[in-house]
Protein backbone atom coordinates (compact mmCIF):
# COMPACT_ATOMS: atom_id res chain seq x y z
CA MET A 1 19.39 -15.78 51.32
CA LYS A 2 20.42 -17.51 48.11
CA ARG A 3 17.66 -17.53 45.45
CA SER A 4 17.21 -20.47 43.18
CA ALA A 5 17.25 -20.05 39.39
CA GLY A 6 13.54 -20.80 39.37
CA THR A 7 12.83 -18.01 41.88
CA ALA A 8 14.93 -15.55 39.88
CA ALA A 9 13.07 -16.48 36.72
CA MET A 10 9.74 -15.99 38.49
CA LEU A 11 10.79 -12.54 39.77
CA LEU A 12 11.89 -11.53 36.28
CA LEU A 13 8.55 -12.69 34.88
CA LEU A 14 6.68 -10.68 37.52
CA LEU A 15 8.73 -7.59 36.70
CA LEU A 16 7.98 -7.99 32.99
CA LEU A 17 4.28 -8.39 33.71
CA GLN A 18 4.35 -5.28 35.90
CA ALA A 19 6.06 -3.30 33.12
CA ALA A 20 3.48 -4.48 30.61
CA ALA A 21 0.66 -3.50 32.95
CA ASP A 22 1.87 0.13 32.87
CA LEU A 23 1.07 0.40 29.16
CA PRO A 24 -2.37 1.96 28.69
CA VAL A 25 -4.86 0.33 26.36
CA ALA A 26 -6.32 2.85 23.91
CA THR A 27 -8.25 2.90 20.66
CA VAL A 28 -6.01 4.73 18.20
CA LEU A 29 -8.20 4.84 15.07
CA ARG A 30 -11.85 4.68 16.03
CA GLY A 31 -14.42 2.69 14.08
CA LYS A 32 -18.18 2.46 14.35
CA PRO A 33 -19.29 -0.93 12.96
CA LYS A 34 -22.98 -0.13 13.33
CA GLY A 35 -24.67 3.07 12.29
CA ALA A 36 -21.62 4.95 11.02
CA ARG A 37 -22.45 8.38 9.61
CA SER A 38 -21.03 9.72 6.36
CA THR A 39 -18.09 11.27 8.18
CA GLU A 40 -17.27 8.13 10.18
CA CYS A 41 -15.57 4.83 9.45
CA GLU A 42 -16.99 1.40 10.13
CA SER A 43 -13.53 -0.11 10.37
CA TRP A 44 -10.00 0.35 9.03
CA TRP A 45 -8.24 -1.46 6.22
CA SER A 46 -4.59 -2.09 5.37
CA PRO A 47 -3.01 -0.54 8.48
CA LEU A 48 0.68 0.35 8.14
CA LEU A 49 2.94 0.79 11.18
CA LEU A 50 6.38 2.37 11.02
CA HIS A 51 9.00 3.55 13.54
CA THR A 52 11.37 6.32 12.49
CA SER A 53 14.73 5.86 14.18
CA SER A 54 16.10 9.40 14.10
CA THR A 55 13.08 11.08 15.72
CA ASN A 56 11.80 8.09 17.70
CA THR A 57 8.32 8.51 16.21
CA THR A 58 5.85 5.70 15.56
CA VAL A 59 3.48 6.27 12.64
CA LEU A 60 0.21 4.39 12.09
CA MET A 61 -1.68 4.90 8.84
CA ALA A 62 -4.87 3.22 7.56
CA MET A 63 -7.74 3.53 5.11
CA CYS A 64 -11.35 3.88 6.18
CA LYS A 65 -13.57 0.92 5.32
CA ARG A 66 -17.22 1.66 4.59
CA GLY A 67 -19.79 -1.10 4.20
CA ALA A 68 -19.56 -4.89 4.28
CA GLY A 69 -16.89 -6.08 1.91
CA SER A 70 -16.03 -2.55 0.76
CA ARG A 71 -12.44 -1.38 0.62
CA ALA A 72 -13.27 1.99 -0.88
CA ALA A 73 -11.60 4.61 1.26
CA PRO A 74 -13.12 8.09 1.45
CA PHE A 75 -10.69 8.80 4.29
CA VAL A 76 -7.01 8.03 4.90
CA LYS A 77 -5.86 8.86 8.42
CA LEU A 78 -2.48 8.96 10.15
CA VAL A 79 -1.59 9.14 13.84
CA GLN A 80 1.80 9.63 15.50
CA SER A 81 3.31 8.52 18.80
CA ARG A 82 6.55 9.84 20.26
CA ASP A 83 6.71 7.47 23.24
CA SER A 84 6.71 4.04 21.56
CA GLY A 85 2.93 3.73 21.40
CA ARG A 86 2.05 4.66 24.99
CA THR A 87 0.16 7.77 23.85
CA TRP A 88 -0.96 8.94 20.42
CA GLY A 89 -1.58 12.32 18.89
CA PRO A 90 -4.72 13.41 17.02
CA GLU A 91 -5.80 11.91 13.71
CA ILE A 92 -4.23 13.62 10.70
CA ASP A 93 -6.30 13.53 7.52
CA ILE A 94 -4.10 12.66 4.53
CA THR A 95 -6.96 11.64 2.24
CA LYS A 96 -5.44 13.52 -0.68
CA GLN A 97 -2.57 11.03 -0.65
CA THR A 98 -2.90 7.57 -2.11
CA LEU A 99 -2.12 5.07 0.61
CA GLY A 100 0.73 2.96 -0.72
CA GLN A 101 3.55 0.97 0.82
CA PHE A 102 6.19 2.74 2.86
CA ALA A 103 9.56 2.29 4.56
CA TRP A 104 11.84 4.48 6.65
CA SER A 105 15.10 5.57 4.99
CA SER A 106 17.81 6.74 7.37
CA GLY A 107 19.96 8.15 4.55
CA ALA A 108 21.20 11.70 4.39
CA SER A 109 17.68 13.13 4.27
CA SER A 110 16.00 10.77 6.80
CA LYS A 111 12.59 10.37 5.24
CA ILE A 112 9.64 8.03 4.78
CA VAL A 113 9.57 6.63 1.24
CA MET A 114 6.17 5.50 -0.06
CA LEU A 115 5.45 3.58 -3.26
CA VAL A 116 2.23 4.70 -4.96
CA GLY A 117 0.56 4.43 -8.34
CA MET A 118 1.44 7.21 -10.76
CA PRO A 119 -1.60 9.47 -11.25
CA ASP A 120 -3.15 9.36 -14.70
CA ALA A 121 -1.66 12.13 -16.83
CA GLY A 122 -5.19 13.08 -17.85
CA GLY A 123 -6.44 13.18 -14.27
CA ALA A 124 -6.09 16.95 -13.80
CA CYS A 125 -9.47 18.55 -13.16
CA GLY A 126 -10.91 20.50 -16.06
CA SER A 127 -13.99 22.13 -14.51
CA PRO A 128 -15.22 23.24 -11.04
CA CYS A 129 -17.41 20.11 -10.86
CA HIS A 130 -14.58 17.76 -11.80
CA CYS A 131 -12.26 19.46 -9.32
CA ALA A 132 -14.83 19.00 -6.56
CA MET A 133 -15.30 15.31 -7.37
CA LEU A 134 -11.54 14.69 -7.38
CA LYS A 135 -11.07 16.63 -4.15
CA HIS A 136 -13.80 14.88 -2.17
CA CYS A 137 -14.28 11.45 -3.78
CA ASN A 138 -11.19 10.65 -5.84
CA GLN A 139 -10.51 7.59 -3.66
CA THR A 140 -13.85 6.10 -4.72
CA ALA A 141 -13.97 7.20 -8.39
CA GLY A 142 -15.59 4.51 -10.55
CA LYS A 143 -16.45 2.29 -7.57
CA GLY A 144 -20.21 2.33 -7.80
CA ALA A 145 -22.12 2.37 -4.52
CA ALA A 146 -19.16 3.52 -2.43
CA CYS A 147 -18.62 6.42 -4.82
CA VAL A 148 -22.30 7.39 -4.74
CA ALA A 149 -22.24 7.34 -0.93
CA CYS A 150 -19.22 9.65 -0.94
CA GLU A 151 -20.95 12.09 -3.29
CA LYS A 152 -24.05 12.13 -1.09
CA ALA A 153 -21.87 12.83 1.92
CA ASN A 154 -20.42 15.82 0.06
CA ALA A 155 -23.66 16.88 -1.64
CA LYS A 156 -23.35 20.55 -0.68
CA ALA A 157 -19.83 20.85 -2.11
CA MET A 158 -20.96 19.10 -5.31
CA GLU A 159 -23.96 21.40 -5.63
CA ASN A 160 -21.81 24.52 -5.14
CA ALA A 161 -19.48 23.28 -7.90
CA GLY A 162 -22.35 22.89 -10.36
CA CYS A 163 -22.34 19.10 -10.50
CA SER A 164 -25.43 17.65 -12.16
CA GLY A 165 -26.79 14.16 -11.61
CA SER A 166 -25.51 12.95 -14.97
CA LYS A 167 -21.97 14.14 -14.27
CA LEU A 168 -21.98 12.44 -10.90
CA SER A 169 -23.23 9.15 -12.33
CA ARG A 170 -20.45 9.10 -14.95
CA PHE A 171 -17.84 9.73 -12.26
CA CYS A 172 -19.16 6.91 -10.10
CA ALA A 173 -19.82 4.33 -12.82
CA PRO A 174 -17.45 1.33 -12.86
CA PRO A 175 -14.62 1.81 -15.38
CA PRO A 176 -15.04 0.05 -18.75
CA GLN A 177 -13.47 -3.35 -19.16
CA GLN A 178 -9.76 -2.89 -19.70
CA GLU A 179 -8.12 -4.38 -22.72
CA ALA A 180 -6.95 -7.96 -22.39
CA LEU A 181 -3.27 -8.78 -22.13
CA GLN A 182 -1.62 -8.81 -25.51
CA ALA A 183 0.94 -11.41 -24.68
CA GLU A 184 3.12 -13.70 -26.68
CA PRO A 185 2.15 -17.38 -26.74
CA ALA A 186 2.93 -19.00 -23.43
CA GLY A 187 5.04 -21.73 -25.02
CA GLY A 188 8.29 -20.00 -24.11
CA ALA A 189 7.17 -18.83 -20.69
CA PRO A 190 8.37 -20.58 -17.52
CA SER A 191 6.16 -23.29 -16.09
CA HIS A 192 3.79 -22.23 -13.31
CA GLY A 193 5.78 -23.75 -10.48
CA ASP A 194 9.24 -22.42 -11.37
CA LEU A 195 11.18 -19.41 -10.22
CA ALA A 196 11.38 -16.81 -12.98
CA TRP A 197 12.60 -13.37 -13.97
CA PRO A 198 10.22 -10.67 -15.26
CA HIS A 199 11.71 -10.73 -18.77
CA GLU A 200 10.79 -14.42 -19.03
CA LEU A 201 7.07 -13.66 -18.77
CA PRO A 202 4.85 -12.79 -21.75
CA PRO A 203 5.02 -8.97 -21.96
CA PRO A 204 1.86 -6.95 -21.26
CA SER A 205 0.76 -4.46 -23.90
CA ALA A 206 2.33 -1.00 -23.94
CA ALA A 207 -1.09 0.54 -23.28
CA ARG A 208 -1.51 -1.51 -20.11
CA LEU A 209 2.00 -0.78 -18.86
CA GLU A 210 1.37 2.92 -19.26
CA LYS A 211 -1.52 2.60 -16.80
CA LEU A 212 0.61 0.65 -14.32
CA GLN A 213 3.39 3.17 -13.73
CA GLY A 214 4.62 3.41 -10.16
CA ALA A 215 5.85 6.53 -8.39
CA VAL A 216 7.41 7.56 -5.09
CA ILE A 217 6.32 10.21 -2.61
CA THR A 218 8.31 11.14 0.48
CA SER A 219 7.77 12.75 3.87
CA THR A 220 10.34 14.33 6.18
CA ASP A 221 7.89 15.11 9.00
CA GLU A 222 6.78 11.58 9.91
CA GLY A 223 3.91 11.48 7.42
CA ARG A 224 2.21 14.80 8.16
CA THR A 225 2.98 16.20 4.70
CA TRP A 226 4.09 14.52 1.47
CA THR A 227 5.71 15.43 -1.81
CA GLN A 228 3.74 15.02 -5.04
CA PRO A 229 4.46 12.12 -7.48
CA THR A 230 5.62 14.29 -10.36
CA GLN A 231 7.18 11.54 -12.49
CA PRO A 232 7.18 7.73 -12.66
CA ILE A 233 9.94 5.96 -10.75
CA GLN A 234 12.72 4.17 -12.64
CA VAL A 235 12.44 0.40 -12.12
CA ASN A 236 15.20 -1.85 -13.45
CA GLY A 237 14.56 -5.46 -14.49
CA SER A 238 10.74 -5.25 -14.52
CA VAL A 239 8.37 -5.91 -17.45
CA GLY A 240 8.33 -2.17 -18.01
CA PRO A 241 10.60 0.70 -16.93
CA HIS A 242 8.16 1.90 -14.24
CA TYR A 243 6.19 -1.20 -13.16
CA ILE A 244 6.36 -1.84 -9.38
CA GLY A 245 3.65 -4.49 -8.91
CA GLY A 246 1.31 -4.38 -5.92
CA GLY A 247 1.67 -4.45 -2.15
CA ILE A 248 -0.44 -3.73 0.94
CA ASN A 249 2.17 -3.94 3.70
CA HIS A 250 5.15 -1.96 4.97
CA GLY A 251 8.69 -2.09 3.64
CA LEU A 252 11.88 -2.06 5.65
CA GLU A 253 15.42 -0.74 5.68
CA LEU A 254 18.03 -3.48 6.07
CA GLN A 255 20.12 -3.14 9.22
CA ARG A 256 22.72 -5.89 8.78
CA GLY A 257 25.22 -7.24 6.25
CA LYS A 258 26.79 -5.72 3.17
CA HIS A 259 23.44 -4.33 1.97
CA ALA A 260 22.62 -2.42 5.17
CA GLY A 261 20.63 0.69 4.26
CA ARG A 262 18.88 -0.99 1.32
CA LEU A 263 15.12 -0.36 1.15
CA VAL A 264 13.23 -3.62 0.65
CA PHE A 265 9.55 -4.06 -0.27
CA ALA A 266 7.65 -7.35 -0.55
CA ARG A 267 5.46 -7.00 -3.64
CA ARG A 268 3.28 -9.16 -5.83
CA PHE A 269 3.84 -9.10 -9.55
CA ASP A 270 0.20 -9.52 -10.56
CA GLY A 271 -0.79 -6.16 -9.08
CA GLY A 272 -2.73 -4.29 -11.78
CA ILE A 273 -1.92 -6.76 -14.56
CA ARG A 274 -4.64 -9.35 -14.07
CA VAL A 275 -8.20 -8.55 -15.16
CA PRO A 276 -11.29 -10.56 -14.10
CA GLY A 277 -12.72 -12.43 -17.05
CA ASP A 278 -9.54 -12.12 -19.08
CA PRO A 279 -9.22 -15.19 -21.35
CA GLN A 280 -5.42 -15.11 -21.05
CA ASP A 281 -3.94 -17.53 -18.52
CA LEU A 282 -2.50 -15.12 -15.94
CA THR A 283 -1.12 -17.67 -13.49
CA PRO A 284 2.50 -16.95 -14.54
CA TYR A 285 2.09 -13.36 -13.30
CA MET A 286 0.86 -14.33 -9.82
CA ARG A 287 4.27 -14.21 -8.12
CA SER A 288 5.77 -12.59 -5.05
CA PHE A 289 9.07 -10.74 -5.35
CA ILE A 290 11.32 -8.19 -3.67
CA LEU A 291 11.55 -4.64 -4.97
CA PHE A 292 14.63 -2.90 -3.58
CA SER A 293 16.45 0.43 -3.71
CA ASP A 294 20.05 1.27 -2.89
CA ASP A 295 19.65 5.03 -3.42
CA HIS A 296 16.96 5.81 -0.81
CA GLY A 297 14.05 5.49 -3.22
CA ALA A 298 15.40 7.38 -6.26
CA SER A 299 15.28 4.17 -8.32
CA PHE A 300 14.40 0.49 -7.78
CA ASN A 301 15.36 -2.99 -8.91
CA VAL A 302 13.24 -6.12 -9.25
CA GLY A 303 14.49 -9.36 -7.72
CA GLN A 304 13.74 -12.89 -8.82
CA LEU A 305 10.06 -13.84 -9.02
CA LEU A 306 8.95 -16.66 -6.73
CA PRO A 307 6.87 -19.63 -7.96
CA ALA A 308 3.48 -18.92 -9.51
CA SER A 309 0.44 -18.46 -7.21
CA TRP A 310 2.48 -16.66 -4.52
CA THR A 311 0.60 -13.36 -4.17
CA GLU A 312 0.10 -11.14 -1.07
CA CYS A 313 3.35 -11.30 0.86
CA GLU A 314 5.51 -9.87 3.64
CA VAL A 315 9.25 -9.80 4.29
CA ALA A 316 11.29 -9.67 7.50
CA GLU A 317 15.02 -9.36 8.18
CA LEU A 318 16.46 -12.12 10.38
CA GLN A 319 19.26 -11.80 12.92
CA ASN A 320 21.80 -13.22 10.47
CA GLY A 321 20.92 -10.60 7.83
CA SER A 322 18.97 -12.93 5.55
CA LEU A 323 15.39 -12.23 4.46
CA LEU A 324 12.32 -14.33 5.23
CA MET A 325 9.28 -14.00 2.98
CA THR A 326 5.80 -15.26 3.76
CA SER A 327 3.11 -15.32 1.10
CA ARG A 328 -0.51 -16.14 0.47
CA ILE A 329 -0.97 -18.94 -2.07
CA GLU A 330 -3.89 -18.28 -4.39
CA VAL A 331 -5.80 -20.62 -6.65
CA PRO A 332 -6.58 -18.60 -9.82
CA ASN A 333 -10.25 -17.90 -10.44
CA PHE A 334 -11.14 -15.00 -12.66
CA ASP A 335 -14.80 -15.80 -13.35
């Protein structure tokens, strides 16, 4: 019997629905919105999903969220799937790593490349107490209530390391107000609505740039273990030689066109530069841009900055090889 096109389409739809029904529904990273204990998470923040082509592994990584409105992360967890998300392995604790922004690089070494902030050169622990605080609560250092909660959750370890109440309070206190931007007068800067290049913006102070150095860590086992950020990454065309901006999404490796293999990250240029209460007009810095690497993460280049007020952003590669960027538009308010 000859089937009509409509019947064939209906059969195809039924087959697709049947295939979808075979996928199990599972909770991958578990949260406990009410009554979470000190070792549990209420929810998860900034999830990152990545598929590694050479080993056919899907990686999901996220930070634990504790308390209403809190993004302090005493835990960073990673899970892996080797069957395209049908089943997942156990949670892997990678709390010692700073959750950054990552992309898969299929170059000679086949690795995950993650952009992170460069640790403070003075951040090495200098006493048993300091080492214990960095080990257990480094993710919440200086973040007030979230930091105190972390220290209470690790009270025994702190006690064994000789931590006194005064030492703990200094570790958890909010950091002092950072210095304001020492920028040139904005007369020569581009207007807020125009495209711009980093060198056209008023330069931040050298002291601030030193605190904003970016680094790269890599993993060759799908995120289970990572290298250490031993030196700041070289960034060409930025306001400083190591400034990478901010980003809370995944990057990608281009698959098409003459730049296939290039690592591309959607970033925002105001990451780490703006300070609440700063009298300087920081709108010119609130711009999305692309940070890219043609050497598998050894060094990076900064692309053109988009119009002011474009902040949190994402990038996708289209079928024709061009890039599409979406961005949140923010109205500045630093009060």
